[in-house]
Amino acid sequence: MELRLDGKVALITGGSRGIRLATAKRFAEAGARVMITSRNEEALEKATNEIPGEAAWFVANAGEPDQAKACFEATMERCGSIDILVNNAGTNAYFGPIAEIDLPRATKTVQLNQMAVLVWSQLAASASMRANGGSIINMASIGGYQAEPGIGWYNVTKAAVIHLTRQPAGELGPEVRVNAIAPGDLCPS
């Protein structure tokens, strides 16, 4: 089955590299107009040139609510709607036991991995999805389902993303579909 997204607009946070850029490319190949965002203008410009079809970029730190709002406004102005939001930006600012994490790194991880999902999802719902329907896709992690040494705090925030998917799915559905993807290895070697 071929997935077609002709006429749809997809906004992807952290879209300038990795799995986020691959997502943008695939959506564009399926016919969507794509807006990618990240903090690095040079990386965004380079990435946009790699995306087939109609693609644009907007510099925004996903963890800063004012920048998120500006990105939504720019996307709405340019494209007229937002049909798909991919909350894909994330960070792991600390590696080690939770008992030893300092508050600035804990806060940074929560701000980007958890609060940004809330803010961007709220903006998507109010921008056009409540009226026109749409899809919010949150990037979680298999770590949100299990304990692992070293990346426990990251996993805590990804567990929150899983619930930040379940709760809005019940509140916004069926007009707005809210789903999570949890990449990772269940059976590490």
Protein backbone atom coordinates (compact mmCIF):
# COMPACT_ATOMS: atom_id res chain seq x y z
CA MET A 1 0.00 0.00 0.00
CA GLU A 2 1.35 3.38 -0.97
CA LEU A 3 0.87 6.22 1.47
CA ARG A 4 -0.12 9.50 -0.24
CA LEU A 5 -0.16 12.86 1.49
CA ASP A 6 -0.96 15.08 -1.47
CA GLY A 7 -2.27 18.46 -0.38
CA LYS A 8 -1.22 17.93 3.25
CA VAL A 9 1.19 20.12 5.22
CA ALA A 10 3.65 18.48 7.61
CA LEU A 11 5.59 20.40 10.25
CA ILE A 12 8.57 18.51 11.67
CA THR A 13 10.56 19.71 14.68
CA GLY A 14 14.28 19.04 14.70
CA GLY A 15 13.96 18.26 11.00
CA SER A 16 17.48 19.05 9.83
CA ARG A 17 19.15 15.67 10.42
CA GLY A 18 18.87 12.02 11.35
CA ILE A 19 15.52 10.28 11.70
CA ARG A 20 13.86 13.70 11.62
CA LEU A 21 15.23 14.54 8.15
CA ALA A 22 14.40 11.03 6.92
CA THR A 23 10.81 11.61 8.08
CA ALA A 24 10.65 14.92 6.21
CA LYS A 25 11.97 13.30 3.03
CA ARG A 26 9.45 10.46 3.22
CA PHE A 27 6.53 12.82 3.80
CA ALA A 28 7.63 14.94 0.83
CA GLU A 29 7.98 11.85 -1.36
CA ALA A 30 4.39 11.03 -0.42
CA GLY A 31 3.27 14.46 -1.68
CA ALA A 32 3.14 16.56 1.50
CA ARG A 33 4.42 20.11 1.67
CA VAL A 34 7.03 20.03 4.43
CA MET A 35 8.19 22.66 6.92
CA ILE A 36 11.21 21.66 8.98
CA THR A 37 12.50 23.50 11.99
CA SER A 38 15.59 23.41 14.20
CA ARG A 39 18.01 25.84 15.82
CA ASN A 40 20.63 25.80 13.04
CA GLU A 41 19.90 27.88 9.93
CA GLU A 42 22.78 26.42 7.91
CA ALA A 43 21.72 22.84 8.67
CA LEU A 44 18.10 23.66 7.82
CA GLU A 45 19.04 25.19 4.48
CA LYS A 46 21.19 22.16 3.59
CA ALA A 47 18.48 19.72 4.68
CA THR A 48 15.75 21.53 2.74
CA ASN A 49 17.82 21.12 -0.42
CA GLU A 50 17.82 17.34 0.18
CA ILE A 51 14.04 17.11 0.52
CA PRO A 52 12.18 16.35 -2.72
CA GLY A 53 9.14 18.44 -3.55
CA GLU A 54 7.97 21.52 -1.71
CA ALA A 55 9.94 22.12 1.48
CA ALA A 56 10.70 25.14 3.61
CA TRP A 57 12.46 25.80 6.90
CA PHE A 58 12.10 28.00 9.94
CA VAL A 59 14.72 28.56 12.64
CA ALA A 60 13.24 27.77 16.06
CA ASN A 61 14.35 26.10 19.25
CA ALA A 62 11.58 23.57 19.87
CA GLY A 63 11.95 24.05 23.62
CA GLU A 64 11.15 27.77 23.50
CA PRO A 65 7.38 28.43 23.41
CA ASP A 66 7.69 31.87 21.74
CA GLN A 67 9.79 30.39 18.93
CA ALA A 68 7.31 27.53 18.53
CA LYS A 69 4.48 30.05 18.18
CA ALA A 70 6.44 32.02 15.58
CA CYS A 71 7.08 28.84 13.61
CA PHE A 72 3.38 27.95 13.62
CA GLU A 73 2.46 31.44 12.47
CA ALA A 74 5.01 31.27 9.63
CA THR A 75 3.78 27.83 8.58
CA MET A 76 0.13 28.92 8.61
CA GLU A 77 0.99 32.05 6.63
CA ARG A 78 2.98 30.11 4.04
CA CYS A 79 0.84 26.96 3.78
CA GLY A 80 -2.61 27.87 5.13
CA SER A 81 -2.89 24.83 7.41
CA ILE A 82 -0.98 22.27 9.40
CA ASP A 83 -2.27 18.76 8.87
CA ILE A 84 0.58 16.78 10.43
CA LEU A 85 2.84 17.70 13.33
CA VAL A 86 5.84 15.52 14.10
CA ASN A 87 7.22 16.30 17.57
CA ASN A 88 10.67 14.95 16.85
CA ALA A 89 13.14 17.33 18.51
CA GLY A 90 14.80 15.92 21.60
CA THR A 91 17.90 15.85 23.72
CA ASN A 92 19.80 13.79 26.25
CA ALA A 93 21.78 16.37 28.19
CA TYR A 94 23.01 13.94 30.84
CA PHE A 95 24.41 10.42 31.04
CA GLY A 96 24.60 8.85 34.48
CA PRO A 97 22.52 7.93 37.52
CA ILE A 98 19.37 9.97 38.17
CA ALA A 99 20.53 10.53 41.75
CA GLU A 100 23.44 12.58 40.42
CA ILE A 101 21.79 14.70 37.71
CA ASP A 102 22.06 18.45 38.21
CA LEU A 103 18.91 20.54 37.92
CA PRO A 104 19.98 22.61 34.87
CA ARG A 105 20.47 19.47 32.74
CA ALA A 106 17.34 17.84 34.14
CA THR A 107 15.35 20.97 33.32
CA LYS A 108 16.80 21.23 29.80
CA THR A 109 15.84 17.63 29.06
CA VAL A 110 12.30 18.10 30.40
CA GLN A 111 11.91 21.39 28.50
CA LEU A 112 12.78 19.89 25.11
CA ASN A 113 11.63 16.27 25.43
CA GLN A 114 8.44 16.84 27.38
CA MET A 115 7.24 20.46 27.58
CA ALA A 116 7.92 21.07 23.89
CA VAL A 117 5.61 18.17 23.01
CA LEU A 118 2.87 19.81 25.06
CA VAL A 119 3.41 23.30 23.60
CA TRP A 120 3.70 22.23 19.94
CA SER A 121 0.69 19.91 20.26
CA GLN A 122 -1.41 22.69 21.78
CA LEU A 123 -0.39 25.02 18.96
CA ALA A 124 -1.22 22.41 16.31
CA ALA A 125 -4.63 21.77 17.78
CA SER A 126 -5.48 25.46 17.95
CA ALA A 127 -3.85 26.40 14.61
CA SER A 128 -6.10 24.30 12.41
CA MET A 129 -6.43 20.71 13.58
CA ARG A 130 -9.42 21.13 15.88
CA ALA A 131 -11.38 22.61 12.99
CA ASN A 132 -9.97 20.53 10.12
CA GLY A 133 -8.61 17.36 11.70
CA GLY A 134 -5.05 16.18 11.52
CA SER A 135 -2.36 14.01 12.99
CA ILE A 136 0.17 14.58 15.77
CA ILE A 137 3.06 12.14 15.87
CA ASN A 138 5.26 12.17 18.97
CA MET A 139 8.72 10.66 18.97
CA ALA A 140 9.01 8.64 22.17
CA SER A 141 11.57 5.89 22.79
CA ILE A 142 11.57 2.29 23.81
CA GLY A 143 13.36 3.68 26.87
CA GLY A 144 10.04 5.14 27.97
CA TYR A 145 8.92 1.58 28.73
CA GLN A 146 11.99 0.31 30.58
CA ALA A 147 14.76 1.22 32.99
CA GLU A 148 18.30 1.44 31.65
CA PRO A 149 21.54 2.44 33.30
CA GLY A 150 22.95 5.80 32.30
CA ILE A 151 19.99 7.26 30.43
CA GLY A 152 17.34 7.03 33.12
CA TRP A 153 16.39 10.71 33.08
CA TYR A 154 16.01 10.70 29.29
CA ASN A 155 13.79 7.62 29.65
CA VAL A 156 11.68 9.39 32.28
CA THR A 157 10.96 12.19 29.81
CA LYS A 158 10.15 9.69 27.05
CA ALA A 159 7.74 7.87 29.39
CA ALA A 160 6.06 11.25 29.82
CA VAL A 161 5.87 11.60 26.02
CA ILE A 162 4.04 8.27 25.87
CA HIS A 163 1.43 9.60 28.27
CA LEU A 164 1.46 12.99 26.48
CA THR A 165 0.29 10.92 23.52
CA ARG A 166 -2.36 8.82 25.25
CA GLN A 167 -4.09 11.68 27.05
CA PRO A 168 -4.51 14.04 24.05
CA ALA A 169 -5.49 11.07 21.84
CA GLY A 170 -8.53 10.64 24.05
CA GLU A 171 -9.22 14.35 24.30
CA LEU A 172 -8.74 15.35 20.65
CA GLY A 173 -9.88 12.22 18.84
CA PRO A 174 -11.30 11.27 16.50
CA GLU A 175 -10.76 14.55 14.62
CA VAL A 176 -7.09 14.71 15.60
CA ARG A 177 -5.16 11.46 15.73
CA VAL A 178 -2.33 11.47 18.27
CA ASN A 179 0.22 8.66 18.05
CA ALA A 180 3.74 7.93 19.26
CA ILE A 181 6.64 6.10 17.70
CA ALA A 182 9.06 4.43 20.12
CA PRO A 183 12.29 3.55 18.31
CA GLY A 184 14.89 1.47 20.06
CA ASP A 185 16.14 -2.01 20.64
CA LEU A 186 14.14 -4.26 22.97
CA CYS A 187 16.89 -6.85 22.95
CA PRO A 188 20.25 -5.06 23.19
CA SER A 189 23.23 -7.31 22.70
